[in-house]
Every structure is written in structure tokens, then in C-alpha cells.
Amino acid sequence: MNNDIVIREKVNEQLVKFSDKLSEGLKKTKKKFIHQMLFGIQASKDIELSEISRSLDKEIKLIKIENRLSPNTQEPTLGEHINDKILKAGI
């Protein structure tokens, strides 16, 4: 197996574990949002929603992805939940 593939799989596995810890207790849609945002930030090395959306590499129009992700970025309870999980885990 190609070394790059092995590294990519390990990074993705770690990302899944981390996003699962952060999103514990949330609904499935919020869990998916957190995972996609973490993946997008890591892949694009950017925090702009358009760049995160591009890095998700979906066959869906970019604007549709942005419109789906955008409302979650404005939800204050989600940020509080993530902050709480980080503080409790000591991450």
C-alpha cells in the first residue's frame, strides 16, 4: 500500500475520533457538521467557509455546501458545547 494512503487513513481515523469526542451528545446532523468542518479546515488550511466547502470535494454545487454549513456556524450553543468538551477532556 502506498505510504501516502496509509498516512491519509491514519489522519482521517484520528480526525474521526477527535470529532466524535467533540460532538458526543449531539444530533447526527451536528456531528456531521463538526466532522466536515474539522476535515475542511485541516484539508484547506483555511477557515473561510468557501475554502472549507471546496476541500470537501463533493459533486454538489459549492453554494449548496456553503448554505448547508453556514447556519451551524452561527449557533452559539454548538460553540459552547465544543468548548465544554475541550475543557473537560483537557484537549
C-alpha atoms as a PDB file:
ATOM      1  CA  MET A   1       0.000   0.000   0.000  1.00  0.00           C
ATOM      2  CA  ASN A   2       1.195   3.480  -0.824  1.00  0.00           C
ATOM      3  CA  ASN A   3       2.684   5.330   2.168  1.00  0.00           C
ATOM      4  CA  ASP A   4       0.577   8.431   1.427  1.00  0.00           C
ATOM      5  CA  ILE A   5      -2.610   6.362   1.606  1.00  0.00           C
ATOM      6  CA  VAL A   6      -1.581   4.895   4.953  1.00  0.00           C
ATOM      7  CA  ILE A   7      -0.849   8.349   6.357  1.00  0.00           C
ATOM      8  CA  ARG A   8      -4.131   9.731   4.980  1.00  0.00           C
ATOM      9  CA  GLU A   9      -6.085   6.870   6.578  1.00  0.00           C
ATOM     10  CA  LYS A  10      -4.384   7.372   9.955  1.00  0.00           C
ATOM     11  CA  VAL A  11      -5.043  11.114   9.895  1.00  0.00           C
ATOM     12  CA  ASN A  12      -8.686  10.530   8.963  1.00  0.00           C
ATOM     13  CA  GLU A  13      -9.031   7.933  11.746  1.00  0.00           C
ATOM     14  CA  GLN A  14      -7.647  10.411  14.287  1.00  0.00           C
ATOM     15  CA  LEU A  15      -9.922  13.128  12.942  1.00  0.00           C
ATOM     16  CA  VAL A  16     -12.970  10.868  13.309  1.00  0.00           C
ATOM     17  CA  LYS A  17     -12.034  10.053  16.921  1.00  0.00           C
ATOM     18  CA  PHE A  18     -11.487  13.727  17.729  1.00  0.00           C
ATOM     19  CA  SER A  19     -14.727  14.881  16.091  1.00  0.00           C
ATOM     20  CA  ASP A  20     -16.607  12.070  17.875  1.00  0.00           C
ATOM     21  CA  LYS A  21     -15.285  13.341  21.214  1.00  0.00           C
ATOM     22  CA  LEU A  22     -16.273  16.926  20.411  1.00  0.00           C
ATOM     23  CA  SER A  23     -19.722  16.021  19.146  1.00  0.00           C
ATOM     24  CA  GLU A  24     -20.650  13.485  21.816  1.00  0.00           C
ATOM     25  CA  GLY A  25     -24.268  14.031  22.849  1.00  0.00           C
ATOM     26  CA  LEU A  26     -25.232  15.975  19.719  1.00  0.00           C
ATOM     27  CA  LYS A  27     -27.637  15.017  16.953  1.00  0.00           C
ATOM     28  CA  LYS A  28     -26.341  13.267  13.844  1.00  0.00           C
ATOM     29  CA  THR A  29     -26.513  16.419  11.694  1.00  0.00           C
ATOM     30  CA  LYS A  30     -24.394  18.405  14.167  1.00  0.00           C
ATOM     31  CA  LYS A  31     -21.885  15.549  14.390  1.00  0.00           C
ATOM     32  CA  LYS A  32     -21.573  15.546  10.612  1.00  0.00           C
ATOM     33  CA  PHE A  33     -21.139  19.329  10.594  1.00  0.00           C
ATOM     34  CA  ILE A  34     -18.320  19.184  13.162  1.00  0.00           C
ATOM     35  CA  HIS A  35     -16.530  16.418  11.286  1.00  0.00           C
ATOM     36  CA  GLN A  36     -16.833  18.202   7.942  1.00  0.00           C
ATOM     37  CA  MET A  37     -15.635  21.496   9.395  1.00  0.00           C
ATOM     38  CA  LEU A  38     -12.613  19.868  11.049  1.00  0.00           C
ATOM     39  CA  PHE A  39     -11.799  17.954   7.879  1.00  0.00           C
ATOM     40  CA  GLY A  40     -12.248  21.077   5.744  1.00  0.00           C
ATOM     41  CA  ILE A  41     -10.059  23.243   7.956  1.00  0.00           C
ATOM     42  CA  GLN A  42      -7.361  20.585   8.025  1.00  0.00           C
ATOM     43  CA  ALA A  43      -7.520  19.912   4.282  1.00  0.00           C
ATOM     44  CA  SER A  44      -7.748  23.519   3.092  1.00  0.00           C
ATOM     45  CA  LYS A  45      -5.513  25.005   5.819  1.00  0.00           C
ATOM     46  CA  ASP A  46      -8.041  27.834   5.900  1.00  0.00           C
ATOM     47  CA  ILE A  47     -11.054  28.834   7.967  1.00  0.00           C
ATOM     48  CA  GLU A  48     -13.049  30.504   5.198  1.00  0.00           C
ATOM     49  CA  LEU A  49     -16.297  28.663   4.587  1.00  0.00           C
ATOM     50  CA  SER A  50     -15.801  28.701   0.813  1.00  0.00           C
ATOM     51  CA  GLU A  51     -12.371  27.064   1.129  1.00  0.00           C
ATOM     52  CA  ILE A  52     -13.670  24.511   3.613  1.00  0.00           C
ATOM     53  CA  SER A  53     -16.521  23.714   1.222  1.00  0.00           C
ATOM     54  CA  ARG A  54     -14.105  23.270  -1.684  1.00  0.00           C
ATOM     55  CA  SER A  55     -11.959  20.870   0.302  1.00  0.00           C
ATOM     56  CA  LEU A  56     -14.934  18.599   0.969  1.00  0.00           C
ATOM     57  CA  ASP A  57     -14.625  17.652  -2.699  1.00  0.00           C
ATOM     58  CA  LYS A  58     -18.283  16.894  -3.233  1.00  0.00           C
ATOM     59  CA  GLU A  59     -20.067  16.767  -6.539  1.00  0.00           C
ATOM     60  CA  ILE A  60     -22.615  19.175  -5.085  1.00  0.00           C
ATOM     61  CA  LYS A  61     -22.509  22.831  -6.096  1.00  0.00           C
ATOM     62  CA  LEU A  62     -20.263  24.880  -3.844  1.00  0.00           C
ATOM     63  CA  ILE A  63     -23.048  27.303  -2.903  1.00  0.00           C
ATOM     64  CA  LYS A  64     -25.239  24.411  -1.733  1.00  0.00           C
ATOM     65  CA  ILE A  65     -22.496  23.171   0.600  1.00  0.00           C
ATOM     66  CA  GLU A  66     -21.909  26.680   1.945  1.00  0.00           C
ATOM     67  CA  ASN A  67     -25.641  27.186   2.506  1.00  0.00           C
ATOM     68  CA  ARG A  68     -25.821  23.899   4.412  1.00  0.00           C
ATOM     69  CA  LEU A  69     -22.795  24.642   6.609  1.00  0.00           C
ATOM     70  CA  SER A  70     -23.402  28.336   7.215  1.00  0.00           C
ATOM     71  CA  PRO A  71     -26.340  28.217   9.692  1.00  0.00           C
ATOM     72  CA  ASN A  72     -24.392  25.951  12.033  1.00  0.00           C
ATOM     73  CA  THR A  73     -21.534  28.436  12.254  1.00  0.00           C
ATOM     74  CA  GLN A  74     -23.883  30.963  13.857  1.00  0.00           C
ATOM     75  CA  GLU A  75     -25.308  28.640  16.510  1.00  0.00           C
ATOM     76  CA  PRO A  76     -23.949  29.738  19.912  1.00  0.00           C
ATOM     77  CA  THR A  77     -24.932  26.544  21.742  1.00  0.00           C
ATOM     78  CA  LEU A  78     -22.745  24.497  19.396  1.00  0.00           C
ATOM     79  CA  GLY A  79     -19.687  26.574  20.235  1.00  0.00           C
ATOM     80  CA  GLU A  80     -20.457  26.298  23.936  1.00  0.00           C
ATOM     81  CA  HIS A  81     -20.813  22.528  23.592  1.00  0.00           C
ATOM     82  CA  ILE A  82     -17.453  22.215  21.823  1.00  0.00           C
ATOM     83  CA  ASN A  83     -15.710  24.488  24.340  1.00  0.00           C
ATOM     84  CA  ASP A  84     -17.155  22.440  27.200  1.00  0.00           C
ATOM     85  CA  LYS A  85     -15.961  19.159  25.653  1.00  0.00           C
ATOM     86  CA  ILE A  86     -12.474  20.560  25.083  1.00  0.00           C
ATOM     87  CA  LEU A  87     -12.201  21.843  28.656  1.00  0.00           C
ATOM     88  CA  LYS A  88     -13.486  18.587  30.165  1.00  0.00           C
ATOM     89  CA  ALA A  89     -11.180  16.441  28.029  1.00  0.00           C
ATOM     90  CA  GLY A  90      -8.177  18.689  28.517  1.00  0.00           C
ATOM     91  CA  ILE A  91      -7.559  18.580  24.792  1.00  0.00           C
END
